[in-house]
Amino acid sequence: MEKGVRRWLVDTSKWNPAPHDFSSALSVLPQHERSSITRFLRMEDRKRALVSRLLQYALIHEVLGIPYNEIVINRTFEGKPYLECSHVDARFPNFNFNVSHDGDYVAIGSEPLCLVGVDVVCCIKPMKESVPEFIENFSSYFSSLEWDNIINTGTSDEILADFYRYWCLKEAFVKAVGSGLAYGVDKIEFHHTNWTNISVKVDGEPLTEWRFWLLELPERHWVAVARGHPRFATESYKRTISKAEFDLEDYDKGLNLPNVAFLTRIIEQLIPVSHGEERQPEQDLLGLSPSFIEGGLTLSSNKSCVNN
């Protein structure tokens, strides 16, 4: 099953395509995916949307061996993307993926058995209000314990960083289950030891069947990964996976799979060789912050928890 655990990351700030190169990369995708990208007016938004789609197709192709032109990605009622596939690979009974983008980065993760949620946040200082005023707008999304931890963490910069870390983890969880922020994120309470050994309680009950990781990226970005039990999925998302219930031994095999390091990808690696491009070697992120264990949100109305 380990082959089904993937973590990829693209720094979109390093890709500045000419119009021809952008069109060439866009042509890899089916027509309906292209129109969902070109509807954006800003080039930066188009880039992030295109990279998000290319990551999904490239990862599915690499793990499952499905040709690009045969990949069908649909969305649940809540907007969570999933692979439409009539044949289930026995090695990856619940193959699923999740993608997120914010700031300079687009990230994707996949799991063969457990649910996976991924979220990227860019820690941006508010321009028109103070940090306390800004975060107060979102106080209802946190438990009293989380809120106390945030506002008492230290300087304004430290408060803002902790605010984004908690938010990143909450989004990763709700994206894993496929619910969006309608889940009631104030009932989701994260515990950690200096952002390691991360665990969660929902309505005060510990969820022992979940694992979380948090990685600090350059330029004040973070990416969180959630791995958890399929029985927590929304009903619409549960219908897209093969198996929601497992005996303890079988589930533990998926829960305790190694959480592989994120690999950096460039656009050329996301385009099939048959499209006339050569693939480049992978790079890993070994030099990044140790807050990544074992190895999106702009906080405005523009970003969805699920639709990345």
Protein backbone atom coordinates (compact mmCIF):
# COMPACT_ATOMS: atom_id res chain seq x y z
CA MET A 1 0.00 0.00 0.00
CA GLU A 2 2.91 2.39 0.55
CA LYS A 3 3.01 3.32 -3.12
CA GLY A 4 -0.37 4.99 -2.64
CA VAL A 5 1.03 7.48 -0.10
CA ARG A 6 2.20 10.53 -2.03
CA ARG A 7 3.01 14.11 -1.06
CA TRP A 8 3.85 16.58 -3.85
CA LEU A 9 4.41 20.32 -3.82
CA VAL A 10 4.81 22.98 -6.52
CA ASP A 11 6.17 26.49 -5.98
CA THR A 12 4.17 28.47 -8.54
CA SER A 13 6.31 31.58 -8.04
CA LYS A 14 9.08 29.80 -9.96
CA TRP A 15 6.88 29.19 -13.00
CA ASN A 16 6.40 32.22 -15.24
CA PRO A 17 5.16 30.74 -18.51
CA ALA A 18 4.90 32.53 -21.82
CA PRO A 19 1.35 32.45 -23.24
CA HIS A 20 2.29 29.57 -25.56
CA ASP A 21 3.72 27.50 -22.68
CA PHE A 22 0.65 28.10 -20.54
CA SER A 23 -1.65 27.07 -23.41
CA SER A 24 0.45 23.97 -24.02
CA ALA A 25 0.17 22.88 -20.38
CA LEU A 26 -3.55 23.67 -20.39
CA SER A 27 -4.10 21.48 -23.46
CA VAL A 28 -3.14 18.39 -21.41
CA LEU A 29 -6.48 18.65 -19.61
CA PRO A 30 -9.99 17.85 -20.89
CA GLN A 31 -12.08 20.77 -22.11
CA HIS A 32 -14.27 21.10 -19.01
CA GLU A 33 -11.16 21.44 -16.83
CA ARG A 34 -9.73 24.12 -19.12
CA SER A 35 -12.83 26.31 -18.85
CA SER A 36 -12.74 26.08 -15.05
CA ILE A 37 -9.22 27.54 -15.20
CA THR A 38 -9.62 30.24 -17.85
CA ARG A 39 -12.65 31.70 -16.01
CA PHE A 40 -10.16 33.33 -13.63
CA LEU A 41 -9.11 36.85 -14.64
CA ARG A 42 -5.78 37.10 -12.80
CA MET A 43 -2.87 35.11 -14.19
CA GLU A 44 -1.76 34.09 -10.70
CA ASP A 45 -5.17 32.52 -10.05
CA ARG A 46 -5.05 30.74 -13.41
CA LYS A 47 -1.60 29.37 -12.64
CA ARG A 48 -2.64 27.97 -9.27
CA ALA A 49 -5.79 26.43 -10.74
CA LEU A 50 -3.86 24.84 -13.62
CA VAL A 51 -1.14 23.46 -11.36
CA SER A 52 -3.82 22.06 -9.03
CA ARG A 53 -5.47 20.17 -11.89
CA LEU A 54 -2.16 18.95 -13.34
CA LEU A 55 -1.06 17.63 -9.95
CA GLN A 56 -4.26 15.59 -9.67
CA TYR A 57 -3.91 14.05 -13.12
CA ALA A 58 -0.17 13.39 -12.79
CA LEU A 59 -0.51 11.75 -9.38
CA ILE A 60 -3.37 9.49 -10.48
CA HIS A 61 -1.45 8.53 -13.60
CA GLU A 62 1.74 7.74 -11.67
CA VAL A 63 0.11 5.74 -8.86
CA LEU A 64 -2.64 3.92 -10.74
CA GLY A 65 -1.22 3.92 -14.27
CA ILE A 66 -4.39 5.39 -15.81
CA PRO A 67 -3.69 7.37 -19.02
CA TYR A 68 -4.44 11.07 -18.75
CA ASN A 69 -7.20 10.89 -21.35
CA GLU A 70 -8.98 8.17 -19.37
CA ILE A 71 -8.89 9.92 -16.00
CA VAL A 72 -12.28 11.20 -14.84
CA ILE A 73 -12.34 13.47 -11.80
CA ASN A 74 -15.73 14.39 -10.36
CA ARG A 75 -16.80 16.31 -7.27
CA THR A 76 -19.13 15.51 -4.42
CA PHE A 77 -22.10 17.69 -3.53
CA GLU A 78 -19.83 19.60 -1.13
CA GLY A 79 -17.20 20.04 -3.87
CA LYS A 80 -14.55 17.50 -2.84
CA PRO A 81 -12.75 16.05 -5.91
CA TYR A 82 -12.57 12.28 -6.34
CA LEU A 83 -11.55 9.78 -8.98
CA GLU A 84 -14.41 8.17 -10.89
CA CYS A 85 -13.18 4.63 -11.40
CA SER A 86 -15.09 1.42 -12.10
CA HIS A 87 -12.11 -0.82 -11.30
CA VAL A 88 -10.73 -0.81 -7.76
CA ASP A 89 -7.04 -1.61 -7.43
CA ALA A 90 -6.79 -4.17 -4.63
CA ARG A 91 -3.52 -2.58 -3.46
CA PHE A 92 -5.29 0.76 -2.86
CA PRO A 93 -8.86 -0.09 -1.78
CA ASN A 94 -9.78 3.52 -0.94
CA PHE A 95 -7.37 5.50 -3.12
CA ASN A 96 -8.17 9.17 -2.57
CA PHE A 97 -6.39 12.49 -2.85
CA ASN A 98 -6.70 16.09 -1.78
CA VAL A 99 -5.17 19.27 -3.13
CA SER A 100 -4.77 22.80 -1.78
CA HIS A 101 -3.25 26.09 -2.85
CA ASP A 102 -2.51 29.40 -1.23
CA GLY A 103 0.18 32.00 -1.76
CA ASP A 104 3.08 30.54 -3.76
CA TYR A 105 2.34 26.84 -3.19
CA VAL A 106 0.08 24.11 -4.48
CA ALA A 107 0.19 20.79 -2.61
CA ILE A 108 -1.40 17.39 -3.10
CA GLY A 109 -1.50 14.25 -0.98
CA SER A 110 -2.92 10.77 -1.54
CA GLU A 111 -3.71 7.75 0.61
CA PRO A 112 -4.51 4.14 -0.31
CA LEU A 113 -6.90 3.34 2.56
CA CYS A 114 -7.38 6.25 4.98
CA LEU A 115 -8.98 9.58 4.17
CA VAL A 116 -6.51 12.34 3.35
CA GLY A 117 -6.87 16.08 3.74
CA VAL A 118 -4.28 18.67 2.72
CA ASP A 119 -4.26 22.40 3.32
CA VAL A 120 -1.79 25.18 2.51
CA VAL A 121 -1.89 28.58 4.17
CA CYS A 122 0.16 31.71 3.59
CA CYS A 123 0.68 33.80 6.71
CA ILE A 124 -0.12 37.32 5.51
CA LYS A 125 -0.21 40.30 7.83
CA PRO A 126 -3.52 42.17 7.66
CA MET A 127 -3.22 45.52 5.89
CA LYS A 128 -6.19 47.48 7.21
CA GLU A 129 -6.43 46.28 10.80
CA SER A 130 -4.27 45.05 13.64
CA VAL A 131 -3.55 41.35 14.14
CA PRO A 132 -5.90 41.12 17.18
CA GLU A 133 -8.67 42.83 15.20
CA PHE A 134 -8.13 40.52 12.23
CA ILE A 135 -8.15 37.25 14.12
CA GLU A 136 -11.12 38.32 16.24
CA ASN A 137 -13.24 38.00 13.09
CA PHE A 138 -12.64 34.23 13.24
CA SER A 139 -12.78 33.59 16.99
CA SER A 140 -15.97 31.52 16.64
CA TYR A 141 -14.05 28.90 14.64
CA PHE A 142 -11.83 27.95 17.61
CA SER A 143 -12.37 26.21 20.92
CA SER A 144 -11.76 28.24 24.06
CA LEU A 145 -8.51 26.32 24.65
CA GLU A 146 -7.23 26.98 21.14
CA TRP A 147 -8.18 30.63 21.34
CA ASP A 148 -6.40 31.08 24.67
CA ASN A 149 -3.30 29.42 23.20
CA ILE A 150 -3.37 31.73 20.19
CA ILE A 151 -3.85 35.07 21.94
CA ASN A 152 -1.35 34.26 24.69
CA THR A 153 1.41 32.92 22.48
CA GLY A 154 3.52 36.11 22.42
CA THR A 155 4.10 38.90 19.88
CA SER A 156 1.66 39.85 17.13
CA ASP A 157 3.73 37.88 14.61
CA GLU A 158 3.66 34.81 16.86
CA ILE A 159 -0.09 35.16 17.44
CA LEU A 160 -0.72 35.37 13.69
CA ALA A 161 1.51 32.35 13.00
CA ASP A 162 -0.27 30.18 15.58
CA PHE A 163 -3.63 31.34 14.26
CA TYR A 164 -2.70 30.14 10.76
CA ARG A 165 -1.26 26.86 12.04
CA TYR A 166 -4.46 25.97 13.85
CA TRP A 167 -6.52 27.05 10.85
CA CYS A 168 -4.41 24.96 8.50
CA LEU A 169 -4.95 21.83 10.61
CA LYS A 170 -8.69 22.43 10.89
CA GLU A 171 -9.02 22.80 7.13
CA ALA A 172 -7.00 19.64 6.52
CA PHE A 173 -9.40 17.73 8.79
CA VAL A 174 -12.64 19.01 7.27
CA LYS A 175 -11.25 18.54 3.76
CA ALA A 176 -10.37 14.95 4.59
CA VAL A 177 -13.96 14.17 5.61
CA GLY A 178 -15.29 16.22 2.69
CA SER A 179 -17.50 18.56 4.66
CA GLY A 180 -16.11 22.06 4.32
CA LEU A 181 -16.37 24.55 7.18
CA ALA A 182 -20.01 23.59 7.70
CA TYR A 183 -18.64 20.79 9.91
CA GLY A 184 -18.53 23.10 12.91
CA VAL A 185 -14.83 23.69 13.31
CA ASP A 186 -15.19 25.21 16.77
CA LYS A 187 -15.92 21.65 17.94
CA ILE A 188 -12.63 20.46 16.43
CA GLU A 189 -9.89 21.05 18.99
CA PHE A 190 -6.23 20.41 18.23
CA HIS A 191 -3.57 19.52 20.77
CA HIS A 192 0.17 19.48 20.14
CA THR A 193 3.62 19.62 21.65
CA ASN A 194 5.37 22.51 19.92
CA TRP A 195 3.41 21.52 16.78
CA THR A 196 4.52 17.91 16.94
CA ASN A 197 2.57 14.90 18.27
CA ILE A 198 -0.58 16.56 16.96
CA SER A 199 -3.93 15.08 17.98
CA VAL A 200 -7.55 16.16 17.78
CA LYS A 201 -10.74 16.06 19.83
CA VAL A 202 -14.22 16.52 18.40
CA ASP A 203 -16.91 17.51 20.90
CA GLY A 204 -14.37 16.70 23.60
CA GLU A 205 -13.79 13.12 22.41
CA PRO A 206 -10.25 12.15 21.28
CA LEU A 207 -10.10 10.76 17.75
CA THR A 208 -7.43 8.09 18.09
CA GLU A 209 -7.91 6.91 14.50
CA TRP A 210 -6.40 10.07 13.05
CA ARG A 211 -2.88 11.36 12.41
CA PHE A 212 -1.74 14.91 11.58
CA TRP A 213 1.45 16.51 10.31
CA LEU A 214 2.45 20.14 9.89
CA LEU A 215 5.27 21.38 7.67
CA GLU A 216 6.64 24.90 7.55
CA LEU A 217 7.49 26.06 4.04
CA PRO A 218 9.57 29.08 2.96
CA GLU A 219 8.16 32.61 3.08
CA ARG A 220 5.76 31.95 5.95
CA HIS A 221 3.69 29.21 4.36
CA TRP A 222 2.49 26.03 6.10
CA VAL A 223 1.03 22.80 4.81
CA ALA A 224 -0.96 20.38 6.97
CA VAL A 225 -1.82 16.75 6.24
CA ALA A 226 -4.65 14.81 7.90
CA ARG A 227 -5.01 11.03 7.71
CA GLY A 228 -8.12 9.39 9.18
CA HIS A 229 -10.82 6.77 9.20
CA PRO A 230 -13.20 6.56 6.20
CA ARG A 231 -16.23 6.20 8.46
CA PHE A 232 -15.90 9.92 9.26
CA ALA A 233 -16.51 10.87 5.61
CA THR A 234 -19.67 12.73 4.64
CA GLU A 235 -22.34 10.53 3.12
CA SER A 236 -21.77 11.95 -0.36
CA TYR A 237 -18.04 11.32 -0.13
CA LYS A 238 -18.47 7.90 1.46
CA ARG A 239 -20.29 6.79 -1.68
CA THR A 240 -17.13 7.46 -3.73
CA ILE A 241 -14.86 5.12 -1.74
CA SER A 242 -14.92 1.34 -1.74
CA LYS A 243 -14.81 0.56 1.96
CA ALA A 244 -15.75 2.61 5.01
CA GLU A 245 -15.46 -0.05 7.72
CA PHE A 246 -12.40 -2.12 8.62
CA ASP A 247 -11.37 -4.41 11.41
CA LEU A 248 -8.76 -2.86 13.69
CA GLU A 249 -5.80 -4.79 12.30
CA ASP A 250 -6.51 -3.91 8.67
CA TYR A 251 -7.17 -0.26 9.45
CA ASP A 252 -3.98 0.08 11.50
CA LYS A 253 -2.00 -1.02 8.44
CA GLY A 254 -3.24 2.06 6.62
CA LEU A 255 -3.13 4.43 9.58
CA ASN A 256 0.47 3.58 10.42
CA LEU A 257 1.91 3.74 6.91
CA PRO A 258 5.00 5.99 6.74
CA ASN A 259 4.12 9.63 6.15
CA VAL A 260 6.48 10.29 3.25
CA ALA A 261 8.24 13.62 2.80
CA PHE A 262 6.87 16.16 0.36
CA LEU A 263 8.57 16.09 -3.03
CA THR A 264 8.93 19.28 -5.03
CA ARG A 265 7.60 19.06 -8.56
CA ILE A 266 8.01 21.32 -11.56
CA ILE A 267 5.46 21.73 -14.33
CA GLU A 268 7.42 19.59 -16.79
CA GLN A 269 7.03 16.64 -14.43
CA LEU A 270 3.24 16.98 -14.50
CA ILE A 271 2.91 16.76 -18.28
CA PRO A 272 2.90 13.29 -19.86
CA VAL A 273 5.90 12.37 -21.99
CA SER A 274 3.49 11.61 -24.83
CA HIS A 275 2.64 15.32 -24.80
CA GLY A 276 6.18 16.06 -25.93
CA GLU A 277 7.80 16.92 -22.61
CA GLU A 278 10.66 15.25 -20.76
CA ARG A 279 10.22 14.52 -17.08
CA GLN A 280 12.71 15.97 -14.61
CA PRO A 281 14.05 14.27 -11.47
CA GLU A 282 12.14 14.69 -8.23
CA GLN A 283 13.48 16.76 -5.36
CA ASP A 284 12.61 16.35 -1.73
CA LEU A 285 12.29 18.98 0.95
CA LEU A 286 14.85 17.69 3.41
CA GLY A 287 16.15 21.14 4.21
CA LEU A 288 12.88 22.54 5.54
CA SER A 289 11.69 23.18 9.05
CA PRO A 290 11.63 20.22 11.46
CA SER A 291 8.03 21.07 12.35
CA PHE A 292 7.26 18.55 9.60
CA ILE A 293 6.79 15.35 11.57
CA GLU A 294 8.33 12.18 10.20
CA GLY A 295 9.62 13.45 7.24
CA GLY A 296 -6.13 27.22 2.35
CA LEU A 297 -6.79 29.59 3.36
CA THR A 298 -6.50 33.32 2.58
CA LEU A 299 -9.06 33.95 5.33
CA SER A 300 -11.41 35.75 3.02
CA SER A 301 -14.59 34.66 1.30
CA ASN A 302 -12.57 33.69 -1.79
CA LYS A 303 -11.19 30.37 -0.62
CA SER A 304 -13.18 27.21 -0.13
CA CYS A 305 -12.21 24.47 2.25
CA VAL A 306 -12.86 21.79 -0.32
CA ASN A 307 -12.79 23.26 -3.80
CA ASN A 308 -9.04 23.49 -4.40
